[in-house]
Every structure is written in C-alpha cells, then in structure tokens.
Amino acid sequence: MAKRKLRLLKRGGPIIGICEGCLARFKSGFTGSIAAEAEIRVRFAAHKCLHARQIAAKMHADMHKVA
C-alpha cells in the first residue's frame, strides 16, 4: 500500500497535485505558482485518503446505480 504523499506536477500549465496513496488529484484556481502550490497542499492535508480497495468498491457500487 502506498504511503500518503503529495506529488506536485509542474509541467507547462497549471500545477496539479496527486496523492500517491489513493491517486486523488488536486488543482488550484490560482495562476501564481506559490499560491497554487500552497492551495494544493492545504487541500491535500484536508483530504481523507481512500486506498485502492475502497476506491474499487465505490466505483463498483456507482456502476450498479447507473444500471
């Protein structure tokens, strides 16, 4: 199981943060890199990490709601 760690991607466009534990994505509305990175770090700290099994179970349940 991956640790809960934030990875920041800073390629060309807006900064995107990804939780290495559950692959949740975090985006910022700020254009400045310092403010955007700070907002992403705050969102990451506040999120509850769902691990792969929980994500798969949630996706499975959501698929059956549609049908």
PDB file of N, CA and C in Angstrom:
ATOM      1  N   MET A   1       0.845  -1.168   0.000  1.00  0.00           N
ATOM      2  CA  MET A   1       0.000   0.000   0.000  1.00  0.00           C
ATOM      3  C   MET A   1       0.897   1.239   0.000  1.00  0.00           C
ATOM      4  N   ALA A   2       0.604   2.180  -0.870  1.00  0.00           N
ATOM      5  CA  ALA A   2       1.403   3.395  -0.993  1.00  0.00           C
ATOM      6  C   ALA A   2       1.168   4.306   0.199  1.00  0.00           C
ATOM      7  N   LYS A   3       2.224   5.021   0.566  1.00  0.00           N
ATOM      8  CA  LYS A   3       2.092   5.984   1.648  1.00  0.00           C
ATOM      9  C   LYS A   3       1.334   7.201   1.166  1.00  0.00           C
ATOM     10  N   ARG A   4       0.767   7.915   2.095  1.00  0.00           N
ATOM     11  CA  ARG A   4       0.039   9.145   1.792  1.00  0.00           C
ATOM     12  C   ARG A   4       1.072  10.245   1.591  1.00  0.00           C
ATOM     13  N   LYS A   5       1.362  10.534   0.337  1.00  0.00           N
ATOM     14  CA  LYS A   5       2.379  11.515  -0.003  1.00  0.00           C
ATOM     15  C   LYS A   5       1.892  12.329  -1.200  1.00  0.00           C
ATOM     16  N   LEU A   6       2.165  13.616  -1.175  1.00  0.00           N
ATOM     17  CA  LEU A   6       1.739  14.509  -2.249  1.00  0.00           C
ATOM     18  C   LEU A   6       2.834  14.633  -3.296  1.00  0.00           C
ATOM     19  N   ARG A   7       2.452  14.495  -4.555  1.00  0.00           N
ATOM     20  CA  ARG A   7       3.375  14.711  -5.672  1.00  0.00           C
ATOM     21  C   ARG A   7       2.834  15.886  -6.476  1.00  0.00           C
ATOM     22  N   LEU A   8       3.681  16.884  -6.714  1.00  0.00           N
ATOM     23  CA  LEU A   8       3.286  18.060  -7.483  1.00  0.00           C
ATOM     24  C   LEU A   8       3.830  17.959  -8.898  1.00  0.00           C
ATOM     25  N   LEU A   9       2.958  18.178  -9.873  1.00  0.00           N
ATOM     26  CA  LEU A   9       3.358  18.178 -11.283  1.00  0.00           C
ATOM     27  C   LEU A   9       3.327  19.615 -11.782  1.00  0.00           C
ATOM     28  N   LYS A  10       4.465  20.081 -12.253  1.00  0.00           N
ATOM     29  CA  LYS A  10       4.584  21.480 -12.693  1.00  0.00           C
ATOM     30  C   LYS A  10       5.053  21.521 -14.141  1.00  0.00           C
ATOM     31  N   ARG A  11       4.292  20.974 -15.041  1.00  0.00           N
ATOM     32  CA  ARG A  11       4.691  20.921 -16.448  1.00  0.00           C
ATOM     33  C   ARG A  11       3.847  21.849 -17.296  1.00  0.00           C
ATOM     34  N   GLY A  12       4.415  22.961 -17.671  1.00  0.00           N
ATOM     35  CA  GLY A  12       3.765  23.830 -18.643  1.00  0.00           C
ATOM     36  C   GLY A  12       2.522  24.563 -18.191  1.00  0.00           C
ATOM     37  N   GLY A  13       1.514  23.906 -17.801  1.00  0.00           N
ATOM     38  CA  GLY A  13       0.244  24.546 -17.467  1.00  0.00           C
ATOM     39  C   GLY A  13       0.073  24.728 -15.978  1.00  0.00           C
ATOM     40  N   PRO A  14      -1.145  24.580 -15.506  1.00  0.00           N
ATOM     41  CA  PRO A  14      -1.402  24.732 -14.065  1.00  0.00           C
ATOM     42  C   PRO A  14      -0.751  23.609 -13.265  1.00  0.00           C
ATOM     43  N   ILE A  15      -0.465  23.907 -12.013  1.00  0.00           N
ATOM     44  CA  ILE A  15       0.132  22.907 -11.124  1.00  0.00           C
ATOM     45  C   ILE A  15      -0.959  21.929 -10.699  1.00  0.00           C
ATOM     46  N   ILE A  16      -0.632  20.652 -10.702  1.00  0.00           N
ATOM     47  CA  ILE A  16      -1.559  19.605 -10.279  1.00  0.00           C
ATOM     48  C   ILE A  16      -0.884  18.797  -9.182  1.00  0.00           C
ATOM     49  N   GLY A  17      -1.617  18.501  -8.118  1.00  0.00           N
ATOM     50  CA  GLY A  17      -1.118  17.656  -7.047  1.00  0.00           C
ATOM     51  C   GLY A  17      -1.798  16.305  -7.106  1.00  0.00           C
ATOM     52  N   ILE A  18      -1.041  15.249  -6.817  1.00  0.00           N
ATOM     53  CA  ILE A  18      -1.587  13.894  -6.825  1.00  0.00           C
ATOM     54  C   ILE A  18      -1.181  13.185  -5.535  1.00  0.00           C
ATOM     55  N   CYS A  19      -2.156  12.578  -4.861  1.00  0.00           N
ATOM     56  CA  CYS A  19      -1.877  11.778  -3.671  1.00  0.00           C
ATOM     57  C   CYS A  19      -1.357  10.425  -4.131  1.00  0.00           C
ATOM     58  N   GLU A  20      -0.179  10.044  -3.672  1.00  0.00           N
ATOM     59  CA  GLU A  20       0.386   8.758  -4.073  1.00  0.00           C
ATOM     60  C   GLU A  20      -0.301   7.587  -3.388  1.00  0.00           C
ATOM     61  N   GLY A  21      -1.071   7.849  -2.341  1.00  0.00           N
ATOM     62  CA  GLY A  21      -1.781   6.791  -1.632  1.00  0.00           C
ATOM     63  C   GLY A  21      -3.052   6.354  -2.332  1.00  0.00           C
ATOM     64  N   CYS A  22      -3.816   7.337  -2.845  1.00  0.00           N
ATOM     65  CA  CYS A  22      -5.116   6.994  -3.430  1.00  0.00           C
ATOM     66  C   CYS A  22      -5.319   7.573  -4.831  1.00  0.00           C
ATOM     67  N   LEU A  23      -4.323   8.262  -5.348  1.00  0.00           N
ATOM     68  CA  LEU A  23      -4.344   8.864  -6.684  1.00  0.00           C
ATOM     69  C   LEU A  23      -5.382   9.973  -6.835  1.00  0.00           C
ATOM     70  N   ALA A  24      -5.789  10.580  -5.718  1.00  0.00           N
ATOM     71  CA  ALA A  24      -6.686  11.734  -5.783  1.00  0.00           C
ATOM     72  C   ALA A  24      -5.929  12.899  -6.409  1.00  0.00           C
ATOM     73  N   ARG A  25      -6.630  13.720  -7.196  1.00  0.00           N
ATOM     74  CA  ARG A  25      -5.999  14.853  -7.865  1.00  0.00           C
ATOM     75  C   ARG A  25      -6.475  16.152  -7.250  1.00  0.00           C
ATOM     76  N   PHE A  26      -5.556  17.102  -7.169  1.00  0.00           N
ATOM     77  CA  PHE A  26      -5.850  18.408  -6.592  1.00  0.00           C
ATOM     78  C   PHE A  26      -5.400  19.479  -7.572  1.00  0.00           C
ATOM     79  N   LYS A  27      -6.300  20.408  -7.886  1.00  0.00           N
ATOM     80  CA  LYS A  27      -5.992  21.512  -8.782  1.00  0.00           C
ATOM     81  C   LYS A  27      -6.217  22.812  -8.045  1.00  0.00           C
ATOM     82  N   SER A  28      -5.621  23.881  -8.555  1.00  0.00           N
ATOM     83  CA  SER A  28      -5.762  25.188  -7.940  1.00  0.00           C
ATOM     84  C   SER A  28      -6.314  26.182  -8.941  1.00  0.00           C
ATOM     85  N   GLY A  29      -7.041  27.149  -8.452  1.00  0.00           N
ATOM     86  CA  GLY A  29      -7.558  28.208  -9.293  1.00  0.00           C
ATOM     87  C   GLY A  29      -6.572  29.357  -9.445  1.00  0.00           C
ATOM     88  N   PHE A  30      -5.501  29.347  -8.660  1.00  0.00           N
ATOM     89  CA  PHE A  30      -4.507  30.411  -8.722  1.00  0.00           C
ATOM     90  C   PHE A  30      -3.571  30.227  -9.909  1.00  0.00           C
ATOM     91  N   THR A  31      -3.106  31.336 -10.457  1.00  0.00           N
ATOM     92  CA  THR A  31      -2.155  31.262 -11.572  1.00  0.00           C
ATOM     93  C   THR A  31      -0.712  31.361 -11.088  1.00  0.00           C
ATOM     94  N   GLY A  32      -0.485  32.026  -9.981  1.00  0.00           N
ATOM     95  CA  GLY A  32       0.870  32.127  -9.430  1.00  0.00           C
ATOM     96  C   GLY A  32       1.289  30.810  -8.813  1.00  0.00           C
ATOM     97  N   SER A  33       2.527  30.395  -9.053  1.00  0.00           N
ATOM     98  CA  SER A  33       2.949  29.066  -8.616  1.00  0.00           C
ATOM     99  C   SER A  33       3.001  28.918  -7.097  1.00  0.00           C
ATOM    100  N   ILE A  34       3.395  29.956  -6.384  1.00  0.00           N
ATOM    101  CA  ILE A  34       3.484  29.851  -4.925  1.00  0.00           C
ATOM    102  C   ILE A  34       2.094  29.717  -4.313  1.00  0.00           C
ATOM    103  N   ALA A  35       1.163  30.546  -4.741  1.00  0.00           N
ATOM    104  CA  ALA A  35      -0.210  30.486  -4.211  1.00  0.00           C
ATOM    105  C   ALA A  35      -0.884  29.177  -4.604  1.00  0.00           C
ATOM    106  N   ALA A  36      -0.679  28.730  -5.842  1.00  0.00           N
ATOM    107  CA  ALA A  36      -1.285  27.482  -6.304  1.00  0.00           C
ATOM    108  C   ALA A  36      -0.762  26.298  -5.508  1.00  0.00           C
ATOM    109  N   GLU A  37       0.546  26.268  -5.295  1.00  0.00           N
ATOM    110  CA  GLU A  37       1.134  25.162  -4.540  1.00  0.00           C
ATOM    111  C   GLU A  37       0.628  25.166  -3.099  1.00  0.00           C
ATOM    112  N   ALA A  38       0.505  26.333  -2.498  1.00  0.00           N
ATOM    113  CA  ALA A  38       0.005  26.426  -1.132  1.00  0.00           C
ATOM    114  C   ALA A  38      -1.443  25.930  -1.043  1.00  0.00           C
ATOM    115  N   GLU A  39      -2.275  26.311  -2.010  1.00  0.00           N
ATOM    116  CA  GLU A  39      -3.670  25.856  -2.011  1.00  0.00           C
ATOM    117  C   GLU A  39      -3.750  24.337  -2.170  1.00  0.00           C
ATOM    118  N   ILE A  40      -2.943  23.778  -3.037  1.00  0.00           N
ATOM    119  CA  ILE A  40      -2.942  22.329  -3.249  1.00  0.00           C
ATOM    120  C   ILE A  40      -2.498  21.606  -1.979  1.00  0.00           C
ATOM    121  N   ARG A  41      -1.490  22.126  -1.301  1.00  0.00           N
ATOM    122  CA  ARG A  41      -1.019  21.498  -0.058  1.00  0.00           C
ATOM    123  C   ARG A  41      -2.104  21.526   1.026  1.00  0.00           C
ATOM    124  N   VAL A  42      -2.867  22.608   1.091  1.00  0.00           N
ATOM    125  CA  VAL A  42      -3.963  22.702   2.068  1.00  0.00           C
ATOM    126  C   VAL A  42      -5.048  21.686   1.735  1.00  0.00           C
ATOM    127  N   ARG A  43      -5.407  21.575   0.457  1.00  0.00           N
ATOM    128  CA  ARG A  43      -6.427  20.597   0.040  1.00  0.00           C
ATOM    129  C   ARG A  43      -5.967  19.168   0.310  1.00  0.00           C
ATOM    130  N   PHE A  44      -4.676  18.895   0.066  1.00  0.00           N
ATOM    131  CA  PHE A  44      -4.132  17.562   0.318  1.00  0.00           C
ATOM    132  C   PHE A  44      -4.199  17.233   1.811  1.00  0.00           C
ATOM    133  N   ALA A  45      -3.832  18.183   2.649  1.00  0.00           N
ATOM    134  CA  ALA A  45      -3.844  17.956   4.094  1.00  0.00           C
ATOM    135  C   ALA A  45      -5.258  17.681   4.606  1.00  0.00           C
ATOM    136  N   ALA A  46      -6.261  18.273   3.967  1.00  0.00           N
ATOM    137  CA  ALA A  46      -7.642  18.113   4.413  1.00  0.00           C
ATOM    138  C   ALA A  46      -8.323  16.856   3.870  1.00  0.00           C
ATOM    139  N   HIS A  47      -7.772  16.249   2.826  1.00  0.00           N
ATOM    140  CA  HIS A  47      -8.479  15.117   2.210  1.00  0.00           C
ATOM    141  C   HIS A  47      -8.291  13.830   3.007  1.00  0.00           C
ATOM    142  N   LYS A  48      -9.279  12.959   2.898  1.00  0.00           N
ATOM    143  CA  LYS A  48      -9.207  11.641   3.529  1.00  0.00           C
ATOM    144  C   LYS A  48      -8.823  10.644   2.458  1.00  0.00           C
ATOM    145  N   CYS A  49      -7.722   9.985   2.688  1.00  0.00           N
ATOM    146  CA  CYS A  49      -7.147   9.090   1.691  1.00  0.00           C
ATOM    147  C   CYS A  49      -7.940   7.787   1.607  1.00  0.00           C
ATOM    148  N   LEU A  50      -8.463   7.488   0.424  1.00  0.00           N
ATOM    149  CA  LEU A  50      -9.126   6.214   0.165  1.00  0.00           C
ATOM    150  C   LEU A  50      -8.128   5.327  -0.574  1.00  0.00           C
ATOM    151  N   HIS A  51      -7.917   4.153  -0.070  1.00  0.00           N
ATOM    152  CA  HIS A  51      -6.961   3.265  -0.713  1.00  0.00           C
ATOM    153  C   HIS A  51      -7.634   2.443  -1.804  1.00  0.00           C
ATOM    154  N   ALA A  52      -6.859   1.749  -2.573  1.00  0.00           N
ATOM    155  CA  ALA A  52      -7.316   1.082  -3.790  1.00  0.00           C
ATOM    156  C   ALA A  52      -8.559   0.215  -3.571  1.00  0.00           C
ATOM    157  N   ARG A  53      -8.628  -0.528  -2.512  1.00  0.00           N
ATOM    158  CA  ARG A  53      -9.787  -1.392  -2.277  1.00  0.00           C
ATOM    159  C   ARG A  53     -11.054  -0.578  -2.073  1.00  0.00           C
ATOM    160  N   GLN A  54     -10.935   0.517  -1.321  1.00  0.00           N
ATOM    161  CA  GLN A  54     -12.092   1.365  -1.078  1.00  0.00           C
ATOM    162  C   GLN A  54     -12.543   2.045  -2.361  1.00  0.00           C
ATOM    163  N   ILE A  55     -11.592   2.480  -3.177  1.00  0.00           N
ATOM    164  CA  ILE A  55     -11.918   3.126  -4.442  1.00  0.00           C
ATOM    165  C   ILE A  55     -12.619   2.141  -5.373  1.00  0.00           C
ATOM    166  N   ALA A  56     -12.099   0.912  -5.465  1.00  0.00           N
ATOM    167  CA  ALA A  56     -12.704  -0.097  -6.328  1.00  0.00           C
ATOM    168  C   ALA A  56     -14.125  -0.431  -5.876  1.00  0.00           C
ATOM    169  N   ALA A  57     -14.328  -0.543  -4.572  1.00  0.00           N
ATOM    170  CA  ALA A  57     -15.662  -0.850  -4.053  1.00  0.00           C
ATOM    171  C   ALA A  57     -16.631   0.290  -4.362  1.00  0.00           C
ATOM    172  N   LYS A  58     -16.167   1.537  -4.218  1.00  0.00           N
ATOM    173  CA  LYS A  58     -17.019   2.684  -4.507  1.00  0.00           C
ATOM    174  C   LYS A  58     -17.366   2.740  -5.990  1.00  0.00           C
ATOM    175  N   MET A  59     -16.391   2.500  -6.869  1.00  0.00           N
ATOM    176  CA  MET A  59     -16.644   2.506  -8.312  1.00  0.00           C
ATOM    177  C   MET A  59     -17.622   1.405  -8.686  1.00  0.00           C
ATOM    178  N   HIS A  60     -17.481   0.234  -8.076  1.00  0.00           N
ATOM    179  CA  HIS A  60     -18.377  -0.890  -8.351  1.00  0.00           C
ATOM    180  C   HIS A  60     -19.809  -0.546  -7.947  1.00  0.00           C
ATOM    181  N   ALA A  61     -19.959   0.073  -6.773  1.00  0.00           N
ATOM    182  CA  ALA A  61     -21.288   0.450  -6.316  1.00  0.00           C
ATOM    183  C   ALA A  61     -21.902   1.522  -7.224  1.00  0.00           C
ATOM    184  N   ASP A  62     -21.088   2.476  -7.660  1.00  0.00           N
ATOM    185  CA  ASP A  62     -21.578   3.529  -8.545  1.00  0.00           C
ATOM    186  C   ASP A  62     -22.006   2.980  -9.898  1.00  0.00           C
ATOM    187  N   MET A  63     -21.314   1.972 -10.408  1.00  0.00           N
ATOM    188  CA  MET A  63     -21.663   1.369 -11.699  1.00  0.00           C
ATOM    189  C   MET A  63     -23.038   0.711 -11.614  1.00  0.00           C
ATOM    190  N   HIS A  64     -23.341   0.083 -10.498  1.00  0.00           N
ATOM    191  CA  HIS A  64     -24.628  -0.598 -10.363  1.00  0.00           C
ATOM    192  C   HIS A  64     -25.787   0.364 -10.131  1.00  0.00           C
ATOM    193  N   LYS A  65     -25.494   1.582  -9.671  1.00  0.00           N
ATOM    194  CA  LYS A  65     -26.546   2.577  -9.502  1.00  0.00           C
ATOM    195  C   LYS A  65     -27.025   3.071 -10.851  1.00  0.00           C
ATOM    196  N   VAL A  66     -26.137   3.155 -11.820  1.00  0.00           N
ATOM    197  CA  VAL A  66     -26.469   3.651 -13.147  1.00  0.00           C
ATOM    198  C   VAL A  66     -27.348   2.664 -13.896  1.00  0.00           C
ATOM    199  N   ALA A  67     -27.085   1.387 -13.746  1.00  0.00           N
ATOM    200  CA  ALA A  67     -27.800   0.358 -14.486  1.00  0.00           C
ATOM    201  C   ALA A  67     -29.212   0.163 -14.074  1.00  0.00           C
TER     202      ALA A  67
END
